[in-house]
Amino acid sequence: MPFTELCIYQVKPQKIAEFEALMLEAKDFLEKQEGLLLLRLVKRGYHIDMEQIKEGLPPLRITRIVKSMKYMLYWEFDTKENYGAAQKNLYASYWKPIEKCLIAPHDKYLGESLF
């Protein structure tokens, strides 16, 4: 059963370009981690409300940043052990510069994929 992490980053508005450049640089490193099945970084850029959902309308683009820009890093591994080793490698290499871009510590959601 694949093991998954969804990590939410809240990036300071003045650090967006730095964060994106850093994550682009880290992408090659992250893709080389043993057992990695899937890697995605998503920048939150849209919202949808219940009325839009009921009407089948597309989401609306977010037009301003209030407190932070949110990013979601999704990565999936073949085993928990390979995930743990990849975390260690990330923290030994890119974590400090990533942390300097954030307004608060990141949130991690971990679990085994159901489908």
PDB file of N, CA and C in Angstrom:
ATOM      1  N   MET A   1       0.836  -1.172   0.000  1.00  0.00           N
ATOM      2  CA  MET A   1       0.000   0.000   0.000  1.00  0.00           C
ATOM      3  C   MET A   1       0.891   1.250   0.000  1.00  0.00           C
ATOM      4  N   PRO A   2       0.749   2.148  -0.962  1.00  0.00           N
ATOM      5  CA  PRO A   2       1.586   3.349  -1.001  1.00  0.00           C
ATOM      6  C   PRO A   2       1.383   4.234   0.227  1.00  0.00           C
ATOM      7  N   PHE A   3       2.459   4.918   0.616  1.00  0.00           N
ATOM      8  CA  PHE A   3       2.434   5.830   1.763  1.00  0.00           C
ATOM      9  C   PHE A   3       2.518   7.259   1.242  1.00  0.00           C
ATOM     10  N   THR A   4       1.638   8.116   1.748  1.00  0.00           N
ATOM     11  CA  THR A   4       1.466   9.455   1.201  1.00  0.00           C
ATOM     12  C   THR A   4       1.650  10.534   2.257  1.00  0.00           C
ATOM     13  N   GLU A   5       2.212  11.666   1.805  1.00  0.00           N
ATOM     14  CA  GLU A   5       2.259  12.880   2.615  1.00  0.00           C
ATOM     15  C   GLU A   5       1.660  14.017   1.804  1.00  0.00           C
ATOM     16  N   LEU A   6       0.804  14.798   2.452  1.00  0.00           N
ATOM     17  CA  LEU A   6       0.333  16.062   1.908  1.00  0.00           C
ATOM     18  C   LEU A   6       0.826  17.122   2.883  1.00  0.00           C
ATOM     19  N   CYS A   7       1.639  18.024   2.390  1.00  0.00           N
ATOM     20  CA  CYS A   7       2.251  19.041   3.232  1.00  0.00           C
ATOM     21  C   CYS A   7       1.728  20.405   2.785  1.00  0.00           C
ATOM     22  N   ILE A   8       1.267  21.205   3.739  1.00  0.00           N
ATOM     23  CA  ILE A   8       0.741  22.533   3.439  1.00  0.00           C
ATOM     24  C   ILE A   8       1.760  23.572   3.913  1.00  0.00           C
ATOM     25  N   TYR A   9       2.190  24.410   2.972  1.00  0.00           N
ATOM     26  CA  TYR A   9       3.120  25.495   3.270  1.00  0.00           C
ATOM     27  C   TYR A   9       2.379  26.820   3.178  1.00  0.00           C
ATOM     28  N   GLN A  10       2.561  27.702   4.148  1.00  0.00           N
ATOM     29  CA  GLN A  10       2.030  29.058   4.117  1.00  0.00           C
ATOM     30  C   GLN A  10       3.218  29.999   3.921  1.00  0.00           C
ATOM     31  N   VAL A  11       3.366  30.501   2.713  1.00  0.00           N
ATOM     32  CA  VAL A  11       4.550  31.270   2.336  1.00  0.00           C
ATOM     33  C   VAL A  11       4.285  32.767   2.482  1.00  0.00           C
ATOM     34  N   LYS A  12       5.261  33.463   3.061  1.00  0.00           N
ATOM     35  CA  LYS A  12       5.187  34.925   3.192  1.00  0.00           C
ATOM     36  C   LYS A  12       5.060  35.534   1.798  1.00  0.00           C
ATOM     37  N   PRO A  13       4.184  36.538   1.635  1.00  0.00           N
ATOM     38  CA  PRO A  13       4.003  37.139   0.306  1.00  0.00           C
ATOM     39  C   PRO A  13       5.303  37.629  -0.325  1.00  0.00           C
ATOM     40  N   GLN A  14       6.187  38.199   0.444  1.00  0.00           N
ATOM     41  CA  GLN A  14       7.443  38.713  -0.097  1.00  0.00           C
ATOM     42  C   GLN A  14       8.461  37.612  -0.392  1.00  0.00           C
ATOM     43  N   LYS A  15       8.148  36.363  -0.043  1.00  0.00           N
ATOM     44  CA  LYS A  15       9.064  35.231  -0.252  1.00  0.00           C
ATOM     45  C   LYS A  15       8.564  34.253  -1.321  1.00  0.00           C
ATOM     46  N   ILE A  16       7.478  34.592  -2.023  1.00  0.00           N
ATOM     47  CA  ILE A  16       6.887  33.676  -3.000  1.00  0.00           C
ATOM     48  C   ILE A  16       7.888  33.295  -4.089  1.00  0.00           C
ATOM     49  N   ALA A  17       8.535  34.271  -4.705  1.00  0.00           N
ATOM     50  CA  ALA A  17       9.487  33.985  -5.787  1.00  0.00           C
ATOM     51  C   ALA A  17      10.650  33.134  -5.272  1.00  0.00           C
ATOM     52  N   GLU A  18      11.138  33.447  -4.091  1.00  0.00           N
ATOM     53  CA  GLU A  18      12.238  32.670  -3.495  1.00  0.00           C
ATOM     54  C   GLU A  18      11.805  31.230  -3.228  1.00  0.00           C
ATOM     55  N   PHE A  19      10.611  31.058  -2.663  1.00  0.00           N
ATOM     56  CA  PHE A  19      10.099  29.723  -2.362  1.00  0.00           C
ATOM     57  C   PHE A  19       9.935  28.906  -3.644  1.00  0.00           C
ATOM     58  N   GLU A  20       9.335  29.495  -4.664  1.00  0.00           N
ATOM     59  CA  GLU A  20       9.117  28.762  -5.914  1.00  0.00           C
ATOM     60  C   GLU A  20      10.443  28.383  -6.574  1.00  0.00           C
ATOM     61  N   ALA A  21      11.420  29.275  -6.544  1.00  0.00           N
ATOM     62  CA  ALA A  21      12.743  28.957  -7.107  1.00  0.00           C
ATOM     63  C   ALA A  21      13.407  27.842  -6.316  1.00  0.00           C
ATOM     64  N   LEU A  22      13.291  27.896  -5.016  1.00  0.00           N
ATOM     65  CA  LEU A  22      13.868  26.870  -4.154  1.00  0.00           C
ATOM     66  C   LEU A  22      13.218  25.511  -4.396  1.00  0.00           C
ATOM     67  N   MET A  23      11.894  25.475  -4.509  1.00  0.00           N
ATOM     68  CA  MET A  23      11.198  24.209  -4.736  1.00  0.00           C
ATOM     69  C   MET A  23      11.505  23.649  -6.126  1.00  0.00           C
ATOM     70  N   LEU A  24      11.673  24.524  -7.100  1.00  0.00           N
ATOM     71  CA  LEU A  24      12.054  24.068  -8.436  1.00  0.00           C
ATOM     72  C   LEU A  24      13.446  23.436  -8.402  1.00  0.00           C
ATOM     73  N   GLU A  25      14.336  24.039  -7.646  1.00  0.00           N
ATOM     74  CA  GLU A  25      15.675  23.481  -7.476  1.00  0.00           C
ATOM     75  C   GLU A  25      15.618  22.147  -6.733  1.00  0.00           C
ATOM     76  N   ALA A  26      14.774  22.064  -5.722  1.00  0.00           N
ATOM     77  CA  ALA A  26      14.659  20.842  -4.914  1.00  0.00           C
ATOM     78  C   ALA A  26      13.960  19.717  -5.668  1.00  0.00           C
ATOM     79  N   LYS A  27      13.205  20.043  -6.705  1.00  0.00           N
ATOM     80  CA  LYS A  27      12.433  19.043  -7.449  1.00  0.00           C
ATOM     81  C   LYS A  27      13.306  17.899  -7.950  1.00  0.00           C
ATOM     82  N   ASP A  28      14.439  18.205  -8.583  1.00  0.00           N
ATOM     83  CA  ASP A  28      15.324  17.152  -9.083  1.00  0.00           C
ATOM     84  C   ASP A  28      15.818  16.262  -7.953  1.00  0.00           C
ATOM     85  N   PHE A  29      16.159  16.880  -6.831  1.00  0.00           N
ATOM     86  CA  PHE A  29      16.612  16.138  -5.657  1.00  0.00           C
ATOM     87  C   PHE A  29      15.494  15.234  -5.135  1.00  0.00           C
ATOM     88  N   LEU A  30      14.292  15.780  -5.018  1.00  0.00           N
ATOM     89  CA  LEU A  30      13.168  15.013  -4.482  1.00  0.00           C
ATOM     90  C   LEU A  30      12.795  13.846  -5.388  1.00  0.00           C
ATOM     91  N   GLU A  31      12.862  14.061  -6.699  1.00  0.00           N
ATOM     92  CA  GLU A  31      12.494  12.999  -7.640  1.00  0.00           C
ATOM     93  C   GLU A  31      13.470  11.822  -7.619  1.00  0.00           C
ATOM     94  N   LYS A  32      14.644  12.012  -7.058  1.00  0.00           N
ATOM     95  CA  LYS A  32      15.644  10.937  -6.992  1.00  0.00           C
ATOM     96  C   LYS A  32      15.539  10.095  -5.724  1.00  0.00           C
ATOM     97  N   GLN A  33      14.567  10.398  -4.865  1.00  0.00           N
ATOM     98  CA  GLN A  33      14.437   9.651  -3.618  1.00  0.00           C
ATOM     99  C   GLN A  33      13.938   8.234  -3.893  1.00  0.00           C
ATOM    100  N   GLU A  34      14.564   7.281  -3.237  1.00  0.00           N
ATOM    101  CA  GLU A  34      14.224   5.871  -3.441  1.00  0.00           C
ATOM    102  C   GLU A  34      12.761   5.609  -3.091  1.00  0.00           C
ATOM    103  N   GLY A  35      12.066   4.919  -3.962  1.00  0.00           N
ATOM    104  CA  GLY A  35      10.687   4.519  -3.709  1.00  0.00           C
ATOM    105  C   GLY A  35       9.651   5.583  -4.036  1.00  0.00           C
ATOM    106  N   LEU A  36      10.072   6.742  -4.557  1.00  0.00           N
ATOM    107  CA  LEU A  36       9.106   7.786  -4.881  1.00  0.00           C
ATOM    108  C   LEU A  36       8.227   7.345  -6.043  1.00  0.00           C
ATOM    109  N   LEU A  37       6.921   7.443  -5.867  1.00  0.00           N
ATOM    110  CA  LEU A  37       5.961   7.070  -6.910  1.00  0.00           C
ATOM    111  C   LEU A  37       5.365   8.292  -7.597  1.00  0.00           C
ATOM    112  N   LEU A  38       5.129   9.372  -6.837  1.00  0.00           N
ATOM    113  CA  LEU A  38       4.485  10.553  -7.392  1.00  0.00           C
ATOM    114  C   LEU A  38       4.880  11.777  -6.580  1.00  0.00           C
ATOM    115  N   LEU A  39       5.125  12.881  -7.271  1.00  0.00           N
ATOM    116  CA  LEU A  39       5.490  14.142  -6.627  1.00  0.00           C
ATOM    117  C   LEU A  39       4.746  15.271  -7.324  1.00  0.00           C
ATOM    118  N   ARG A  40       4.057  16.110  -6.549  1.00  0.00           N
ATOM    119  CA  ARG A  40       3.350  17.254  -7.097  1.00  0.00           C
ATOM    120  C   ARG A  40       3.470  18.428  -6.124  1.00  0.00           C
ATOM    121  N   LEU A  41       3.672  19.629  -6.669  1.00  0.00           N
ATOM    122  CA  LEU A  41       3.600  20.856  -5.881  1.00  0.00           C
ATOM    123  C   LEU A  41       2.509  21.711  -6.511  1.00  0.00           C
ATOM    124  N   VAL A  42       1.523  22.083  -5.703  1.00  0.00           N
ATOM    125  CA  VAL A  42       0.371  22.839  -6.191  1.00  0.00           C
ATOM    126  C   VAL A  42       0.336  24.182  -5.475  1.00  0.00           C
ATOM    127  N   LYS A  43       0.139  25.253  -6.243  1.00  0.00           N
ATOM    128  CA  LYS A  43      -0.027  26.595  -5.700  1.00  0.00           C
ATOM    129  C   LYS A  43      -1.524  26.888  -5.667  1.00  0.00           C
ATOM    130  N   ARG A  44      -2.036  27.237  -4.505  1.00  0.00           N
ATOM    131  CA  ARG A  44      -3.470  27.533  -4.406  1.00  0.00           C
ATOM    132  C   ARG A  44      -3.741  28.824  -5.165  1.00  0.00           C
ATOM    133  N   GLY A  45      -4.631  28.744  -6.140  1.00  0.00           N
ATOM    134  CA  GLY A  45      -4.919  29.909  -6.943  1.00  0.00           C
ATOM    135  C   GLY A  45      -6.401  30.124  -7.196  1.00  0.00           C
ATOM    136  N   TYR A  46      -7.251  29.225  -6.678  1.00  0.00           N
ATOM    137  CA  TYR A  46      -8.686  29.293  -6.940  1.00  0.00           C
ATOM    138  C   TYR A  46      -9.476  28.981  -5.680  1.00  0.00           C
ATOM    139  N   HIS A  47     -10.728  29.374  -5.686  1.00  0.00           N
ATOM    140  CA  HIS A  47     -11.664  28.989  -4.622  1.00  0.00           C
ATOM    141  C   HIS A  47     -13.009  28.701  -5.264  1.00  0.00           C
ATOM    142  N   ILE A  48     -13.826  27.948  -4.543  1.00  0.00           N
ATOM    143  CA  ILE A  48     -15.162  27.617  -5.042  1.00  0.00           C
ATOM    144  C   ILE A  48     -16.114  27.599  -3.854  1.00  0.00           C
ATOM    145  N   ASP A  49     -17.318  28.123  -4.061  1.00  0.00           N
ATOM    146  CA  ASP A  49     -18.302  28.104  -2.988  1.00  0.00           C
ATOM    147  C   ASP A  49     -19.441  27.154  -3.356  1.00  0.00           C
ATOM    148  N   MET A  50     -20.347  26.957  -2.434  1.00  0.00           N
ATOM    149  CA  MET A  50     -21.413  25.983  -2.617  1.00  0.00           C
ATOM    150  C   MET A  50     -22.320  26.348  -3.789  1.00  0.00           C
ATOM    151  N   GLU A  51     -22.593  27.618  -3.997  1.00  0.00           N
ATOM    152  CA  GLU A  51     -23.449  28.036  -5.107  1.00  0.00           C
ATOM    153  C   GLU A  51     -22.802  27.662  -6.447  1.00  0.00           C
ATOM    154  N   GLN A  52     -21.511  27.883  -6.568  1.00  0.00           N
ATOM    155  CA  GLN A  52     -20.802  27.508  -7.799  1.00  0.00           C
ATOM    156  C   GLN A  52     -20.873  25.997  -8.016  1.00  0.00           C
ATOM    157  N   ILE A  53     -20.718  25.243  -6.938  1.00  0.00           N
ATOM    158  CA  ILE A  53     -20.766  23.782  -7.034  1.00  0.00           C
ATOM    159  C   ILE A  53     -22.154  23.336  -7.496  1.00  0.00           C
ATOM    160  N   LYS A  54     -23.202  23.882  -6.875  1.00  0.00           N
ATOM    161  CA  LYS A  54     -24.574  23.508  -7.235  1.00  0.00           C
ATOM    162  C   LYS A  54     -24.879  23.820  -8.691  1.00  0.00           C
ATOM    163  N   GLU A  55     -24.313  24.905  -9.205  1.00  0.00           N
ATOM    164  CA  GLU A  55     -24.568  25.335 -10.580  1.00  0.00           C
ATOM    165  C   GLU A  55     -23.597  24.708 -11.584  1.00  0.00           C
ATOM    166  N   GLY A  56     -22.601  23.985 -11.083  1.00  0.00           N
ATOM    167  CA  GLY A  56     -21.618  23.381 -11.975  1.00  0.00           C
ATOM    168  C   GLY A  56     -20.675  24.397 -12.607  1.00  0.00           C
ATOM    169  N   LEU A  57     -20.463  25.497 -11.914  1.00  0.00           N
ATOM    170  CA  LEU A  57     -19.607  26.559 -12.423  1.00  0.00           C
ATOM    171  C   LEU A  57     -18.138  26.304 -12.087  1.00  0.00           C
ATOM    172  N   PRO A  58     -17.230  26.852 -12.869  1.00  0.00           N
ATOM    173  CA  PRO A  58     -15.805  26.671 -12.571  1.00  0.00           C
ATOM    174  C   PRO A  58     -15.405  27.486 -11.342  1.00  0.00           C
ATOM    175  N   PRO A  59     -14.307  27.112 -10.715  1.00  0.00           N
ATOM    176  CA  PRO A  59     -13.823  27.882  -9.565  1.00  0.00           C
ATOM    177  C   PRO A  59     -13.365  29.276  -9.999  1.00  0.00           C
ATOM    178  N   LEU A  60     -13.314  30.184  -9.039  1.00  0.00           N
ATOM    179  CA  LEU A  60     -12.882  31.551  -9.292  1.00  0.00           C
ATOM    180  C   LEU A  60     -11.420  31.731  -8.886  1.00  0.00           C
ATOM    181  N   ARG A  61     -10.703  32.497  -9.688  1.00  0.00           N
ATOM    182  CA  ARG A  61      -9.297  32.781  -9.390  1.00  0.00           C
ATOM    183  C   ARG A  61      -9.211  33.686  -8.157  1.00  0.00           C
ATOM    184  N   ILE A  62      -8.265  33.385  -7.281  1.00  0.00           N
ATOM    185  CA  ILE A  62      -7.983  34.236  -6.130  1.00  0.00           C
ATOM    186  C   ILE A  62      -7.220  35.446  -6.651  1.00  0.00           C
ATOM    187  N   THR A  63      -7.677  36.649  -6.282  1.00  0.00           N
ATOM    188  CA  THR A  63      -7.096  37.860  -6.858  1.00  0.00           C
ATOM    189  C   THR A  63      -6.156  38.619  -5.920  1.00  0.00           C
ATOM    190  N   ARG A  64      -6.125  38.249  -4.653  1.00  0.00           N
ATOM    191  CA  ARG A  64      -5.201  38.933  -3.741  1.00  0.00           C
ATOM    192  C   ARG A  64      -4.726  37.987  -2.656  1.00  0.00           C
ATOM    193  N   ILE A  65      -3.558  38.294  -2.146  1.00  0.00           N
ATOM    194  CA  ILE A  65      -2.972  37.516  -1.058  1.00  0.00           C
ATOM    195  C   ILE A  65      -3.209  38.304   0.223  1.00  0.00           C
ATOM    196  N   VAL A  66      -3.863  37.699   1.196  1.00  0.00           N
ATOM    197  CA  VAL A  66      -4.158  38.394   2.442  1.00  0.00           C
ATOM    198  C   VAL A  66      -3.025  38.204   3.451  1.00  0.00           C
ATOM    199  N   LYS A  67      -2.739  36.988   3.806  1.00  0.00           N
ATOM    200  CA  LYS A  67      -1.744  36.688   4.843  1.00  0.00           C
ATOM    201  C   LYS A  67      -0.583  35.883   4.285  1.00  0.00           C
ATOM    202  N   SER A  68      -0.897  34.916   3.418  1.00  0.00           N
ATOM    203  CA  SER A  68       0.142  34.051   2.866  1.00  0.00           C
ATOM    204  C   SER A  68      -0.358  33.413   1.572  1.00  0.00           C
ATOM    205  N   MET A  69       0.591  32.885   0.809  1.00  0.00           N
ATOM    206  CA  MET A  69       0.246  32.068  -0.356  1.00  0.00           C
ATOM    207  C   MET A  69       0.399  30.623   0.097  1.00  0.00           C
ATOM    208  N   LYS A  70      -0.608  29.815  -0.180  1.00  0.00           N
ATOM    209  CA  LYS A  70      -0.554  28.421   0.253  1.00  0.00           C
ATOM    210  C   LYS A  70      -0.125  27.522  -0.900  1.00  0.00           C
ATOM    211  N   TYR A  71       0.710  26.560  -0.555  1.00  0.00           N
ATOM    212  CA  TYR A  71       1.189  25.536  -1.483  1.00  0.00           C
ATOM    213  C   TYR A  71       0.940  24.186  -0.845  1.00  0.00           C
ATOM    214  N   MET A  72       0.677  23.196  -1.692  1.00  0.00           N
ATOM    215  CA  MET A  72       0.496  21.830  -1.223  1.00  0.00           C
ATOM    216  C   MET A  72       1.518  20.947  -1.925  1.00  0.00           C
ATOM    217  N   LEU A  73       2.352  20.304  -1.143  1.00  0.00           N
ATOM    218  CA  LEU A  73       3.301  19.338  -1.682  1.00  0.00           C
ATOM    219  C   LEU A  73       2.718  17.952  -1.426  1.00  0.00           C
ATOM    220  N   TYR A  74       2.551  17.195  -2.497  1.00  0.00           N
ATOM    221  CA  TYR A  74       2.018  15.836  -2.404  1.00  0.00           C
ATOM    222  C   TYR A  74       3.093  14.904  -2.911  1.00  0.00           C
ATOM    223  N   TRP A  75       3.483  13.960  -2.061  1.00  0.00           N
ATOM    224  CA  TRP A  75       4.378  12.925  -2.561  1.00  0.00           C
ATOM    225  C   TRP A  75       3.997  11.581  -1.991  1.00  0.00           C
ATOM    226  N   GLU A  76       4.200  10.561  -2.813  1.00  0.00           N
ATOM    227  CA  GLU A  76       3.756   9.208  -2.498  1.00  0.00           C
ATOM    228  C   GLU A  76       4.942   8.266  -2.673  1.00  0.00           C
ATOM    229  N   PHE A  77       5.084   7.355  -1.729  1.00  0.00           N
ATOM    230  CA  PHE A  77       6.185   6.396  -1.725  1.00  0.00           C
ATOM    231  C   PHE A  77       5.658   4.968  -1.679  1.00  0.00           C
ATOM    232  N   ASP A  78       6.520   4.053  -2.080  1.00  0.00           N
ATOM    233  CA  ASP A  78       6.136   2.647  -2.049  1.00  0.00           C
ATOM    234  C   ASP A  78       6.066   2.098  -0.625  1.00  0.00           C
ATOM    235  N   THR A  79       6.868   2.655   0.307  1.00  0.00           N
ATOM    236  CA  THR A  79       6.866   2.177   1.697  1.00  0.00           C
ATOM    237  C   THR A  79       7.044   3.342   2.664  1.00  0.00           C
ATOM    238  N   LYS A  80       6.653   3.137   3.918  1.00  0.00           N
ATOM    239  CA  LYS A  80       6.875   4.135   4.973  1.00  0.00           C
ATOM    240  C   LYS A  80       8.368   4.337   5.210  1.00  0.00           C
ATOM    241  N   GLU A  81       9.139   3.266   5.060  1.00  0.00           N
ATOM    242  CA  GLU A  81      10.582   3.349   5.298  1.00  0.00           C
ATOM    243  C   GLU A  81      11.259   4.266   4.277  1.00  0.00           C
ATOM    244  N   ASN A  82      10.886   4.134   3.006  1.00  0.00           N
ATOM    245  CA  ASN A  82      11.455   5.015   1.985  1.00  0.00           C
ATOM    246  C   ASN A  82      10.997   6.456   2.183  1.00  0.00           C
ATOM    247  N   TYR A  83       9.761   6.623   2.618  1.00  0.00           N
ATOM    248  CA  TYR A  83       9.282   7.963   2.950  1.00  0.00           C
ATOM    249  C   TYR A  83      10.135   8.569   4.072  1.00  0.00           C
ATOM    250  N   GLY A  84      10.374   7.796   5.118  1.00  0.00           N
ATOM    251  CA  GLY A  84      11.176   8.286   6.250  1.00  0.00           C
ATOM    252  C   GLY A  84      12.579   8.675   5.824  1.00  0.00           C
ATOM    253  N   ALA A  85      13.205   7.872   4.971  1.00  0.00           N
ATOM    254  CA  ALA A  85      14.552   8.191   4.480  1.00  0.00           C
ATOM    255  C   ALA A  85      14.537   9.468   3.640  1.00  0.00           C
ATOM    256  N   ALA A  86      13.497   9.647   2.833  1.00  0.00           N
ATOM    257  CA  ALA A  86      13.383  10.848   2.008  1.00  0.00           C
ATOM    258  C   ALA A  86      13.202  12.089   2.883  1.00  0.00           C
ATOM    259  N   GLN A  87      12.428  11.975   3.948  1.00  0.00           N
ATOM    260  CA  GLN A  87      12.258  13.098   4.876  1.00  0.00           C
ATOM    261  C   GLN A  87      13.599  13.501   5.475  1.00  0.00           C
ATOM    262  N   LYS A  88      14.365  12.514   5.890  1.00  0.00           N
ATOM    263  CA  LYS A  88      15.684  12.797   6.459  1.00  0.00           C
ATOM    264  C   LYS A  88      16.552  13.531   5.443  1.00  0.00           C
ATOM    265  N   ASN A  89      16.533  13.090   4.198  1.00  0.00           N
ATOM    266  CA  ASN A  89      17.334  13.730   3.150  1.00  0.00           C
ATOM    267  C   ASN A  89      16.870  15.154   2.880  1.00  0.00           C
ATOM    268  N   LEU A  90      15.558  15.370   2.880  1.00  0.00           N
ATOM    269  CA  LEU A  90      15.024  16.715   2.657  1.00  0.00           C
ATOM    270  C   LEU A  90      15.444  17.645   3.791  1.00  0.00           C
ATOM    271  N   TYR A  91      15.308  17.199   5.004  1.00  0.00           N
ATOM    272  CA  TYR A  91      15.648  18.038   6.145  1.00  0.00           C
ATOM    273  C   TYR A  91      17.139  18.330   6.214  1.00  0.00           C
ATOM    274  N   ALA A  92      17.970  17.424   5.727  1.00  0.00           N
ATOM    275  CA  ALA A  92      19.414  17.641   5.740  1.00  0.00           C
ATOM    276  C   ALA A  92      19.866  18.583   4.626  1.00  0.00           C
ATOM    277  N   SER A  93      19.007  18.847   3.648  1.00  0.00           N
ATOM    278  CA  SER A  93      19.445  19.620   2.492  1.00  0.00           C
ATOM    279  C   SER A  93      18.664  20.922   2.287  1.00  0.00           C
ATOM    280  N   TYR A  94      17.374  20.859   2.150  1.00  0.00           N
ATOM    281  CA  TYR A  94      16.575  22.010   1.744  1.00  0.00           C
ATOM    282  C   TYR A  94      15.694  22.603   2.836  1.00  0.00           C
ATOM    283  N   TRP A  95      15.591  21.930   3.972  1.00  0.00           N
ATOM    284  CA  TRP A  95      14.583  22.374   4.913  1.00  0.00           C
ATOM    285  C   TRP A  95      14.820  23.772   5.475  1.00  0.00           C
ATOM    286  N   LYS A  96      16.030  24.122   5.869  1.00  0.00           N
ATOM    287  CA  LYS A  96      16.255  25.443   6.478  1.00  0.00           C
ATOM    288  C   LYS A  96      15.890  26.582   5.536  1.00  0.00           C
ATOM    289  N   PRO A  97      16.303  26.551   4.265  1.00  0.00           N
ATOM    290  CA  PRO A  97      15.878  27.640   3.365  1.00  0.00           C
ATOM    291  C   PRO A  97      14.364  27.659   3.131  1.00  0.00           C
ATOM    292  N   ILE A  98      13.720  26.486   3.102  1.00  0.00           N
ATOM    293  CA  ILE A  98      12.261  26.438   2.952  1.00  0.00           C
ATOM    294  C   ILE A  98      11.603  27.098   4.163  1.00  0.00           C
ATOM    295  N   GLU A  99      12.057  26.724   5.347  1.00  0.00           N
ATOM    296  CA  GLU A  99      11.473  27.225   6.595  1.00  0.00           C
ATOM    297  C   GLU A  99      11.536  28.754   6.674  1.00  0.00           C
ATOM    298  N   LYS A 100      12.580  29.359   6.142  1.00  0.00           N
ATOM    299  CA  LYS A 100      12.732  30.823   6.181  1.00  0.00           C
ATOM    300  C   LYS A 100      11.684  31.546   5.332  1.00  0.00           C
ATOM    301  N   CYS A 101      11.031  30.835   4.434  1.00  0.00           N
ATOM    302  CA  CYS A 101       9.997  31.431   3.568  1.00  0.00           C
ATOM    303  C   CYS A 101       8.605  31.367   4.176  1.00  0.00           C
ATOM    304  N   LEU A 102       8.438  30.659   5.293  1.00  0.00           N
ATOM    305  CA  LEU A 102       7.109  30.373   5.842  1.00  0.00           C
ATOM    306  C   LEU A 102       6.707  31.325   6.956  1.00  0.00           C
ATOM    307  N   ILE A 103       5.395  31.567   7.068  1.00  0.00           N
ATOM    308  CA  ILE A 103       4.891  32.387   8.175  1.00  0.00           C
ATOM    309  C   ILE A 103       4.663  31.549   9.430  1.00  0.00           C
ATOM    310  N   ALA A 104       4.546  30.237   9.264  1.00  0.00           N
ATOM    311  CA  ALA A 104       4.290  29.313  10.371  1.00  0.00           C
ATOM    312  C   ALA A 104       4.821  27.947   9.971  1.00  0.00           C
ATOM    313  N   PRO A 105       5.085  27.073  10.948  1.00  0.00           N
ATOM    314  CA  PRO A 105       5.507  25.717  10.584  1.00  0.00           C
ATOM    315  C   PRO A 105       4.481  25.058   9.659  1.00  0.00           C
ATOM    316  N   HIS A 106       4.963  24.235   8.762  1.00  0.00           N
ATOM    317  CA  HIS A 106       4.077  23.560   7.806  1.00  0.00           C
ATOM    318  C   HIS A 106       3.235  22.486   8.486  1.00  0.00           C
ATOM    319  N   ASP A 107       2.129  22.145   7.856  1.00  0.00           N
ATOM    320  CA  ASP A 107       1.267  21.061   8.323  1.00  0.00           C
ATOM    321  C   ASP A 107       1.547  19.832   7.475  1.00  0.00           C
ATOM    322  N   LYS A 108       1.645  18.678   8.119  1.00  0.00           N
ATOM    323  CA  LYS A 108       1.842  17.414   7.411  1.00  0.00           C
ATOM    324  C   LYS A 108       0.651  16.508   7.688  1.00  0.00           C
ATOM    325  N   TYR A 109       0.143  15.921   6.615  1.00  0.00           N
ATOM    326  CA  TYR A 109      -0.924  14.929   6.727  1.00  0.00           C
ATOM    327  C   TYR A 109      -0.383  13.649   6.103  1.00  0.00           C
ATOM    328  N   LEU A 110      -0.316  12.594   6.882  1.00  0.00           N
ATOM    329  CA  LEU A 110       0.307  11.343   6.458  1.00  0.00           C
ATOM    330  C   LEU A 110      -0.698  10.197   6.494  1.00  0.00           C
ATOM    331  N   GLY A 111      -0.519   9.276   5.551  1.00  0.00           N
ATOM    332  CA  GLY A 111      -1.373   8.098   5.577  1.00  0.00           C
ATOM    333  C   GLY A 111      -1.111   7.166   4.412  1.00  0.00           C
ATOM    334  N   GLU A 112      -1.746   6.023   4.483  1.00  0.00           N
ATOM    335  CA  GLU A 112      -1.651   5.040   3.390  1.00  0.00           C
ATOM    336  C   GLU A 112      -2.775   5.315   2.406  1.00  0.00           C
ATOM    337  N   SER A 113      -2.450   5.229   1.124  1.00  0.00           N
ATOM    338  CA  SER A 113      -3.437   5.482   0.085  1.00  0.00           C
ATOM    339  C   SER A 113      -4.506   4.399   0.080  1.00  0.00           C
ATOM    340  N   LEU A 114      -5.749   4.798  -0.040  1.00  0.00           N
ATOM    341  CA  LEU A 114      -6.865   3.848  -0.091  1.00  0.00           C
ATOM    342  C   LEU A 114      -7.178   3.429  -1.513  1.00  0.00           C
ATOM    343  N   PHE A 115      -6.948   4.320  -2.470  1.00  0.00           N
ATOM    344  CA  PHE A 115      -7.145   3.989  -3.892  1.00  0.00           C
ATOM    345  C   PHE A 115      -6.314   4.920  -4.730  1.00  0.00           C
TER     346      PHE A 115
END
